[in-house]
Amino acid sequence: MIRTMFAALAALLLAGSAAAQAPAVSTIIHAGRLLADPTTGVISTVQSVLIGADGRIIGVEAGYATREGAAIIDLRDEFVLPGLIDSHVHLTSELGPNQLIEEVTLTDADAALRGAQNARTTLLAGFTTVADLGAPNDSIFALRRAIAEERVPGPRIIASGAAVTPDGGHGDVNGYSPRVNDALRSIAACSGADACRRAVRRQIQAGADVIKITATGGVLSNTAAGVAQQFSDEELRAIVDAAHAMGRRVTAHAHGVGGINAALRAGVDSIEHGSYLDRESIRLFRQGNRYLVPTVLAGAYVQELAQRGGVLTPAQTVKALEVGARMRQMIRDARAGGVRIAFGTDTGVSQHGQNWREFDLLIEAGYTPLEAIRMATVAAADHLQLNDTTGRIAPGLAADIIAVSADPTADITQLRAMRFVMARGRVHLGG
């Protein structure tokens, strides 16, 4: 009898202790339809997402739950899903007719302030996380900090800062007089294995979350240098070794097939663009946890600009017409080869806030809407090593949540118009 009473008392004390330790629910989203985990594709109806004051998800319950003191967000008429992730943007810039003069008239402070504006635009388009792959160090690292501290609205930023680039290559400055080129030279330009190791280490010291390199020439370099391999094999290996030794992944801008395959053989973790990939590229992609970030939108957009005229230089125009057309075939080849894709747009080449255009191009290439959504949620989270942070609506993850009018797994164009955006538990649109 006494033992029974003590056991009952102990159970009550433990239950009370557990209740006291359980995080308090501060916000509840009532979701009419919910895609909590794009991996499964299961759509549930009449669900409640419970969110704590720290901006993290406490749980998901069937029915429309209430808690004393909790704010209710009514999304019973909407379709709710995880916030989207763009694995390749350039928040501090946007391609336009003044690109050449702005290179020498704008400061890093200008870039940061423009980045703040573009970050808000990107967030309101439903992208609650981005990887910024190429921006002035001071500008993008300050913007990353300001958003994390909730001083300005914007998506969570994974930032590379300046791209590690060959001297005179894509990512360095080209097209000006020698004196201007020297004055504007990239702080992360290097030649030789030792210098490239040093450039990687200095970028990490400056605050890089990831190392972005330019393994090949690029379309928007104002030079007729093509899009073939630019770093040597030795330099590529040195870069990867230095980055991995300091706990950073390496992603490689690469168009030409020689540069793609050399970067993959050197051990890079992902490829941006991949325009001229071949069967060997696909074989190398399938070794290890590697992703292709296709940025088909960037190819389509520069092709449009080249055909329209008035923005691109002659050297850029020639490359844009060639590479833009090739990228549409590239994504089909990648799909047929089973290459893992993380959603990325290279926005900043195209206009901020129109990141959704990449979805249309993925569907055009044969992917289903659900497959495209997975690329922009769970796959991108895995690619950016954010599996424990975002990409799903699940307990313990950040409350990065969006809503649209109808089911985007049936109609991908629904993702063009956000009805609700929450990032890290804070509402930025609707609600």
Protein backbone atom coordinates (compact mmCIF):
# COMPACT_ATOMS: atom_id res chain seq x y z
CA MET A 1 0.00 0.00 0.00
CA ILE A 2 2.71 2.47 1.08
CA ARG A 3 4.85 1.47 -1.92
CA THR A 4 1.89 2.10 -4.21
CA MET A 5 1.35 5.55 -2.72
CA PHE A 6 5.04 6.46 -3.09
CA ALA A 7 5.03 5.21 -6.68
CA ALA A 8 2.00 7.32 -7.47
CA LEU A 9 3.55 10.37 -5.82
CA ALA A 10 6.80 9.87 -7.73
CA ALA A 11 4.88 9.61 -10.99
CA LEU A 12 3.07 12.86 -10.24
CA LEU A 13 6.33 14.63 -9.39
CA LEU A 14 7.99 13.38 -12.57
CA ALA A 15 5.01 14.47 -14.65
CA GLY A 16 5.08 17.89 -13.03
CA SER A 17 8.81 18.18 -13.61
CA ALA A 18 8.42 17.21 -17.26
CA ALA A 19 5.62 19.73 -17.69
CA ALA A 20 7.74 22.44 -16.10
CA GLN A 21 10.65 21.65 -18.44
CA ALA A 22 8.49 21.47 -21.60
CA PRO A 23 8.88 24.66 -23.69
CA ALA A 24 5.88 26.95 -23.63
CA VAL A 25 3.89 27.30 -26.84
CA SER A 26 3.80 30.94 -27.93
CA THR A 27 2.30 30.60 -31.42
CA ILE A 28 0.07 28.03 -33.11
CA ILE A 29 -0.47 27.83 -36.86
CA HIS A 30 -3.78 26.26 -37.88
CA ALA A 31 -3.00 24.67 -41.25
CA GLY A 32 -5.81 23.50 -43.50
CA ARG A 33 -3.36 21.44 -45.53
CA LEU A 34 0.19 20.69 -44.47
CA LEU A 35 3.22 19.24 -46.25
CA ALA A 36 5.47 18.90 -43.22
CA ASP A 37 8.12 16.66 -44.76
CA PRO A 38 8.64 16.83 -48.55
CA THR A 39 10.70 13.63 -48.30
CA THR A 40 7.50 11.65 -47.76
CA GLY A 41 5.21 13.88 -49.77
CA VAL A 42 2.39 13.19 -47.29
CA ILE A 43 -0.18 15.99 -47.19
CA SER A 44 -2.19 16.16 -43.97
CA THR A 45 -5.33 18.15 -43.32
CA VAL A 46 -6.53 20.08 -40.26
CA GLN A 47 -3.17 20.32 -38.49
CA SER A 48 -1.64 22.57 -35.85
CA VAL A 49 2.03 23.61 -35.79
CA LEU A 50 3.14 24.54 -32.27
CA ILE A 51 5.97 27.07 -32.03
CA GLY A 52 7.97 28.24 -29.02
CA ALA A 53 9.17 31.72 -28.13
CA ASP A 54 12.65 30.75 -29.34
CA GLY A 55 11.36 30.41 -32.91
CA ARG A 56 11.60 26.63 -32.97
CA ILE A 57 8.89 24.10 -33.67
CA ILE A 58 7.65 22.27 -30.59
CA GLY A 59 5.35 19.84 -32.35
CA VAL A 60 2.69 19.14 -34.95
CA GLU A 61 -0.77 17.96 -33.83
CA ALA A 62 -3.89 16.79 -35.63
CA GLY A 63 -6.82 19.15 -35.24
CA TYR A 64 -6.90 22.85 -34.47
CA ALA A 65 -5.17 23.06 -31.11
CA THR A 66 -5.19 25.87 -28.59
CA ARG A 67 -2.95 26.72 -25.66
CA GLU A 68 -3.49 29.32 -22.99
CA GLY A 69 -1.72 32.53 -23.95
CA ALA A 70 -0.66 31.29 -27.42
CA ALA A 71 -1.30 33.44 -30.49
CA ILE A 72 -3.28 31.70 -33.25
CA ILE A 73 -2.38 32.16 -36.93
CA ASP A 74 -5.30 31.10 -39.10
CA LEU A 75 -4.09 29.33 -42.26
CA ARG A 76 -7.06 26.96 -42.44
CA ASP A 77 -7.72 28.00 -46.05
CA GLU A 78 -4.08 27.78 -47.11
CA PHE A 79 -1.51 25.15 -48.06
CA VAL A 80 1.40 25.17 -45.58
CA LEU A 81 4.92 23.86 -46.26
CA PRO A 82 8.53 24.44 -45.16
CA GLY A 83 10.30 27.65 -46.12
CA LEU A 84 12.20 27.38 -49.39
CA ILE A 85 16.00 27.29 -49.74
CA ASP A 86 17.98 28.82 -52.61
CA SER A 87 21.48 27.34 -52.68
CA HIS A 88 23.00 30.00 -54.96
CA VAL A 89 22.29 33.73 -54.79
CA HIS A 90 24.14 37.04 -54.86
CA LEU A 91 22.20 39.31 -52.54
CA THR A 92 24.47 42.35 -52.78
CA SER A 93 24.16 42.86 -56.53
CA GLU A 94 21.87 42.53 -59.53
CA LEU A 95 22.94 42.40 -63.17
CA GLY A 96 21.94 45.48 -65.14
CA PRO A 97 23.06 47.98 -67.76
CA ASN A 98 25.24 49.87 -65.24
CA GLN A 99 27.28 46.83 -64.19
CA LEU A 100 30.64 48.11 -65.46
CA ILE A 101 30.45 51.58 -63.97
CA GLU A 102 29.02 50.34 -60.67
CA GLU A 103 32.09 48.15 -60.24
CA VAL A 104 34.13 51.32 -59.75
CA THR A 105 31.56 53.71 -58.22
CA LEU A 106 29.82 51.66 -55.53
CA THR A 107 31.38 50.83 -52.16
CA ASP A 108 31.07 47.75 -49.99
CA ALA A 109 28.67 49.77 -47.83
CA ASP A 110 26.48 50.35 -50.90
CA ALA A 111 26.56 46.62 -51.56
CA ALA A 112 25.48 45.82 -48.00
CA LEU A 113 22.54 48.22 -48.12
CA ARG A 114 21.41 46.91 -51.49
CA GLY A 115 21.83 43.44 -50.06
CA ALA A 116 19.47 44.30 -47.21
CA GLN A 117 16.82 45.38 -49.70
CA ASN A 118 17.32 42.25 -51.82
CA ALA A 119 17.29 40.03 -48.73
CA ARG A 120 13.83 41.31 -47.76
CA THR A 121 12.57 40.79 -51.32
CA THR A 122 13.94 37.24 -51.29
CA LEU A 123 12.34 36.46 -47.94
CA LEU A 124 8.93 37.72 -49.04
CA ALA A 125 9.22 35.42 -52.06
CA GLY A 126 9.21 32.48 -49.62
CA PHE A 127 12.95 31.77 -49.40
CA THR A 128 13.84 31.57 -45.73
CA THR A 129 17.41 30.32 -46.29
CA VAL A 130 19.95 31.15 -48.99
CA ALA A 131 23.57 30.42 -49.79
CA ASP A 132 25.27 33.60 -50.98
CA LEU A 133 28.15 32.54 -53.18
CA GLY A 134 30.20 35.55 -54.15
CA ALA A 135 30.02 39.00 -52.56
CA PRO A 136 32.37 41.47 -50.86
CA ASN A 137 33.39 39.97 -47.52
CA ASP A 138 32.50 42.97 -45.39
CA SER A 139 29.12 43.45 -47.10
CA ILE A 140 27.79 39.92 -46.93
CA PHE A 141 29.18 38.96 -43.53
CA ALA A 142 27.70 42.15 -42.01
CA LEU A 143 24.35 41.42 -43.66
CA ARG A 144 24.44 37.81 -42.42
CA ARG A 145 25.02 39.06 -38.88
CA ALA A 146 22.32 41.73 -39.07
CA ILE A 147 19.71 39.19 -40.20
CA ALA A 148 20.75 36.65 -37.56
CA GLU A 149 20.38 39.38 -34.92
CA GLU A 150 16.97 40.37 -36.39
CA ARG A 151 18.13 43.91 -37.10
CA VAL A 152 16.93 43.64 -40.72
CA PRO A 153 14.51 41.15 -42.31
CA GLY A 154 15.94 38.48 -44.55
CA PRO A 155 16.61 34.80 -45.03
CA ARG A 156 19.17 32.83 -43.05
CA ILE A 157 22.45 33.27 -44.96
CA ILE A 158 25.18 30.73 -45.58
CA ALA A 159 27.95 32.88 -47.04
CA SER A 160 31.18 32.27 -48.93
CA GLY A 161 32.24 35.87 -49.24
CA ALA A 162 34.67 36.39 -52.11
CA ALA A 163 35.12 33.42 -54.40
CA VAL A 164 38.59 31.88 -54.54
CA THR A 165 39.59 32.49 -58.14
CA PRO A 166 42.64 32.16 -60.40
CA ASP A 167 44.48 35.43 -60.99
CA GLY A 168 42.68 37.04 -63.93
CA GLY A 169 40.05 34.29 -63.98
CA HIS A 170 36.32 34.28 -63.46
CA GLY A 171 35.82 35.92 -60.09
CA ASP A 172 38.70 38.32 -60.54
CA VAL A 173 38.34 41.69 -62.30
CA ASN A 174 38.54 41.92 -66.07
CA GLY A 175 37.83 44.39 -68.85
CA TYR A 176 39.30 47.59 -67.40
CA SER A 177 42.66 49.27 -67.87
CA PRO A 178 45.58 47.49 -66.18
CA ARG A 179 45.70 50.09 -63.42
CA VAL A 180 41.98 49.68 -62.64
CA ASN A 181 42.26 45.89 -62.80
CA ASP A 182 45.10 46.03 -60.28
CA ALA A 183 43.15 48.35 -57.98
CA LEU A 184 40.05 46.14 -58.01
CA ARG A 185 41.83 42.78 -57.92
CA SER A 186 39.98 40.16 -55.88
CA ILE A 187 41.33 39.57 -52.38
CA ALA A 188 40.84 35.83 -52.98
CA ALA A 189 42.69 35.60 -56.31
CA CYS A 190 45.62 33.21 -56.35
CA SER A 191 48.11 31.34 -58.52
CA GLY A 192 49.90 28.19 -57.44
CA ALA A 193 48.92 25.61 -54.86
CA ASP A 194 50.47 27.39 -51.86
CA ALA A 195 48.87 30.74 -52.68
CA CYS A 196 45.49 29.05 -53.16
CA ARG A 197 45.75 27.31 -49.79
CA ARG A 198 46.47 30.72 -48.29
CA ALA A 199 43.45 32.26 -50.03
CA VAL A 200 41.17 29.54 -48.63
CA ARG A 201 42.50 29.96 -45.10
CA ARG A 202 42.11 33.72 -45.27
CA GLN A 203 38.51 33.41 -46.43
CA ILE A 204 37.76 31.11 -43.53
CA GLN A 205 39.50 33.55 -41.19
CA ALA A 206 37.31 36.34 -42.59
CA GLY A 207 34.14 34.36 -41.82
CA ALA A 208 33.30 32.11 -44.78
CA ASP A 209 30.78 29.36 -44.02
CA VAL A 210 31.66 27.60 -47.26
CA ILE A 211 34.42 28.01 -49.83
CA LYS A 212 33.22 28.92 -53.30
CA ILE A 213 35.76 28.56 -56.12
CA THR A 214 35.68 29.35 -59.82
CA ALA A 215 37.05 26.19 -61.39
CA THR A 216 36.27 27.37 -64.93
CA GLY A 217 35.67 30.53 -66.85
CA GLY A 218 32.27 32.18 -66.50
CA VAL A 219 29.67 33.79 -68.70
CA LEU A 220 29.74 37.19 -67.00
CA SER A 221 33.52 37.62 -66.89
CA ASN A 222 34.18 40.55 -69.20
CA THR A 223 36.84 38.63 -71.07
CA ALA A 224 36.92 36.33 -74.09
CA ALA A 225 38.50 33.53 -72.05
CA GLY A 226 35.81 30.90 -72.58
CA VAL A 227 34.34 28.62 -69.92
CA ALA A 228 36.98 25.89 -69.76
CA GLN A 229 39.07 24.82 -66.74
CA GLN A 230 41.11 27.66 -65.21
CA PHE A 231 42.53 26.29 -61.94
CA SER A 232 45.15 23.57 -62.37
CA ASP A 233 44.53 20.12 -60.91
CA GLU A 234 47.20 20.78 -58.28
CA GLU A 235 45.55 24.06 -57.26
CA LEU A 236 42.15 22.38 -57.01
CA ARG A 237 43.50 19.65 -54.73
CA ALA A 238 45.24 22.23 -52.53
CA ILE A 239 42.03 24.25 -52.19
CA VAL A 240 39.92 21.25 -51.23
CA ASP A 241 42.53 19.93 -48.77
CA ALA A 242 42.87 23.32 -47.07
CA ALA A 243 39.10 23.85 -46.80
CA HIS A 244 38.31 20.36 -45.54
CA ALA A 245 41.12 20.54 -42.99
CA MET A 246 39.40 23.59 -41.51
CA GLY A 247 35.89 22.11 -41.58
CA ARG A 248 34.55 23.88 -44.66
CA ARG A 249 32.90 22.36 -47.70
CA VAL A 250 33.87 23.47 -51.20
CA THR A 251 31.49 24.30 -54.01
CA ALA A 252 32.83 24.93 -57.50
CA HIS A 253 31.47 27.22 -60.17
CA ALA A 254 32.09 25.07 -63.26
CA HIS A 255 30.75 25.21 -66.82
CA GLY A 256 33.24 23.37 -69.05
CA VAL A 257 33.33 19.61 -68.67
CA GLY A 258 37.08 19.48 -68.07
CA GLY A 259 36.74 21.82 -65.12
CA ILE A 260 33.68 20.01 -63.77
CA ASN A 261 35.42 16.65 -63.76
CA ALA A 262 38.72 18.00 -62.47
CA ALA A 263 36.93 19.69 -59.55
CA LEU A 264 34.99 16.53 -58.73
CA ARG A 265 38.15 14.42 -58.88
CA ALA A 266 39.84 16.92 -56.55
CA GLY A 267 37.11 16.30 -54.00
CA VAL A 268 34.77 19.30 -54.17
CA ASP A 269 31.45 18.75 -52.45
CA SER A 270 29.20 20.31 -55.08
CA ILE A 271 29.15 21.92 -58.50
CA GLU A 272 27.40 25.16 -59.40
CA HIS A 273 25.98 25.27 -62.96
CA GLY A 274 27.57 22.11 -64.43
CA SER A 275 26.61 23.26 -67.93
CA TYR A 276 28.65 20.79 -70.00
CA LEU A 277 28.57 17.74 -67.74
CA ASP A 278 29.01 14.35 -69.38
CA ARG A 279 28.76 10.68 -68.40
CA GLU A 280 32.02 10.85 -66.46
CA SER A 281 30.69 13.86 -64.56
CA ILE A 282 27.57 11.91 -63.64
CA ARG A 283 29.68 8.97 -62.46
CA LEU A 284 31.76 11.30 -60.28
CA PHE A 285 28.69 13.06 -58.90
CA ARG A 286 27.34 9.76 -57.67
CA GLN A 287 30.43 9.15 -55.54
CA GLY A 288 29.79 10.43 -52.02
CA ASN A 289 27.38 13.07 -50.79
CA ARG A 290 27.65 15.40 -53.78
CA TYR A 291 25.14 17.79 -55.25
CA LEU A 292 24.64 19.69 -58.47
CA VAL A 293 23.17 23.18 -58.11
CA PRO A 294 22.01 23.70 -61.70
CA THR A 295 20.97 27.41 -61.78
CA VAL A 296 19.10 26.87 -65.06
CA LEU A 297 17.43 30.24 -64.53
CA ALA A 298 20.77 32.04 -64.79
CA GLY A 299 21.42 30.43 -68.16
CA ALA A 300 17.95 31.26 -69.44
CA TYR A 301 18.17 34.84 -68.18
CA VAL A 302 21.57 35.68 -69.69
CA GLN A 303 20.42 34.14 -72.95
CA GLU A 304 17.41 36.50 -72.89
CA LEU A 305 19.69 39.47 -72.19
CA ALA A 306 22.06 38.48 -74.98
CA GLN A 307 19.21 38.28 -77.47
CA ARG A 308 17.72 41.58 -76.26
CA GLY A 309 20.99 43.54 -76.18
CA GLY A 310 21.92 46.59 -74.15
CA VAL A 311 23.21 44.92 -70.97
CA LEU A 312 25.92 42.38 -71.74
CA THR A 313 29.31 43.21 -73.24
CA PRO A 314 30.36 41.53 -76.52
CA ALA A 315 32.49 38.96 -74.65
CA GLN A 316 29.62 38.15 -72.28
CA THR A 317 27.09 37.95 -75.12
CA VAL A 318 28.95 35.23 -77.01
CA LYS A 319 29.24 33.05 -73.90
CA ALA A 320 25.65 33.71 -72.82
CA LEU A 321 24.22 32.49 -76.11
CA GLU A 322 26.29 29.31 -76.01
CA VAL A 323 25.99 28.39 -72.34
CA GLY A 324 22.38 29.47 -71.86
CA ALA A 325 21.17 27.07 -74.51
CA ARG A 326 23.32 24.24 -73.17
CA MET A 327 22.02 24.48 -69.59
CA ARG A 328 18.51 23.35 -70.55
CA GLN A 329 19.98 20.12 -71.91
CA MET A 330 22.31 19.79 -68.90
CA ILE A 331 19.44 19.52 -66.42
CA ARG A 332 17.78 16.83 -68.53
CA ASP A 333 21.06 14.88 -68.63
CA ALA A 334 21.45 15.25 -64.88
CA ARG A 335 17.91 13.98 -64.32
CA ALA A 336 18.48 10.96 -66.57
CA GLY A 337 21.74 10.20 -64.74
CA GLY A 338 20.22 10.36 -61.26
CA VAL A 339 22.39 13.27 -60.10
CA ARG A 340 21.28 14.73 -56.78
CA ILE A 341 20.02 18.27 -57.20
CA ALA A 342 19.88 21.14 -54.71
CA PHE A 343 17.72 24.05 -55.82
CA GLY A 344 19.70 27.14 -56.74
CA THR A 345 19.11 30.06 -59.08
CA ASP A 346 22.17 32.36 -59.18
CA THR A 347 19.72 35.18 -58.50
CA GLY A 348 21.52 38.49 -58.73
CA VAL A 349 22.26 37.46 -62.26
CA SER A 350 18.46 37.37 -62.65
CA GLN A 351 16.14 39.63 -60.66
CA HIS A 352 15.72 39.22 -56.92
CA GLY A 353 12.32 37.92 -55.88
CA GLN A 354 11.86 35.89 -59.07
CA ASN A 355 13.72 32.84 -57.74
CA TRP A 356 10.54 30.84 -58.39
CA ARG A 357 11.31 30.86 -62.14
CA GLU A 358 13.78 28.02 -61.53
CA PHE A 359 10.84 25.78 -60.56
CA ASP A 360 9.27 26.27 -64.00
CA LEU A 361 12.50 25.24 -65.71
CA LEU A 362 12.84 22.13 -63.53
CA ILE A 363 9.30 21.08 -64.48
CA GLU A 364 10.10 21.76 -68.12
CA ALA A 365 13.06 19.35 -67.77
CA GLY A 366 10.78 16.54 -66.57
CA TYR A 367 10.83 16.77 -62.77
CA THR A 368 7.54 16.59 -60.89
CA PRO A 369 6.44 19.51 -58.70
CA LEU A 370 7.06 17.45 -55.56
CA GLU A 371 10.59 16.57 -56.75
CA ALA A 372 11.29 20.26 -57.35
CA ILE A 373 9.96 21.19 -53.90
CA ARG A 374 12.19 18.54 -52.33
CA MET A 375 15.18 20.12 -54.10
CA ALA A 376 14.32 23.46 -52.46
CA THR A 377 13.71 22.04 -48.98
CA VAL A 378 15.12 18.74 -47.73
CA ALA A 379 17.76 18.32 -50.46
CA ALA A 380 19.04 21.88 -50.17
CA ALA A 381 19.10 21.56 -46.38
CA ASP A 382 21.20 18.41 -46.71
CA HIS A 383 23.49 20.08 -49.23
CA LEU A 384 24.06 23.05 -46.92
CA GLN A 385 24.39 20.82 -43.84
CA LEU A 386 21.25 22.29 -42.27
CA ASN A 387 19.33 19.04 -41.75
CA ASP A 388 19.04 19.78 -38.03
CA THR A 389 17.95 23.36 -38.64
CA THR A 390 15.48 23.68 -41.51
CA GLY A 391 13.94 22.01 -44.58
CA ARG A 392 11.03 20.32 -42.76
CA ILE A 393 8.30 21.23 -40.31
CA ALA A 394 9.32 19.04 -37.40
CA PRO A 395 10.03 19.34 -33.65
CA GLY A 396 13.32 21.03 -32.87
CA LEU A 397 13.75 22.69 -36.25
CA ALA A 398 13.44 26.41 -36.91
CA ALA A 399 9.92 27.62 -37.65
CA ASP A 400 10.68 28.44 -41.30
CA ILE A 401 7.18 28.13 -42.72
CA ILE A 402 5.36 29.45 -45.78
CA ALA A 403 1.84 29.16 -47.13
CA VAL A 404 0.26 29.48 -50.58
CA SER A 405 -3.31 29.38 -51.82
CA ALA A 406 -3.39 25.88 -53.32
CA ASP A 407 -1.40 22.66 -53.53
CA PRO A 408 1.99 23.34 -55.20
CA THR A 409 2.61 19.60 -55.59
CA ALA A 410 -0.20 19.70 -58.14
CA ASP A 411 0.54 23.17 -59.53
CA ILE A 412 4.07 24.50 -59.06
CA THR A 413 3.01 27.99 -60.11
CA GLN A 414 1.41 28.40 -56.68
CA LEU A 415 4.93 29.13 -55.39
CA ARG A 416 4.96 32.39 -57.33
CA ALA A 417 2.66 34.12 -54.82
CA MET A 418 3.25 33.75 -51.10
CA ARG A 419 0.32 34.18 -48.72
CA PHE A 420 2.36 33.76 -45.55
CA VAL A 421 6.04 33.77 -44.65
CA MET A 422 7.53 32.95 -41.25
CA ALA A 423 11.29 32.78 -40.71
CA ARG A 424 12.72 31.46 -37.45
CA GLY A 425 9.35 31.94 -35.76
CA ARG A 426 8.86 35.54 -36.84
CA VAL A 427 6.04 36.46 -39.25
CA HIS A 428 7.10 38.61 -42.21
CA LEU A 429 4.08 38.27 -44.49
CA GLY A 430 0.43 37.51 -43.71
CA GLY A 431 -0.77 36.11 -40.42
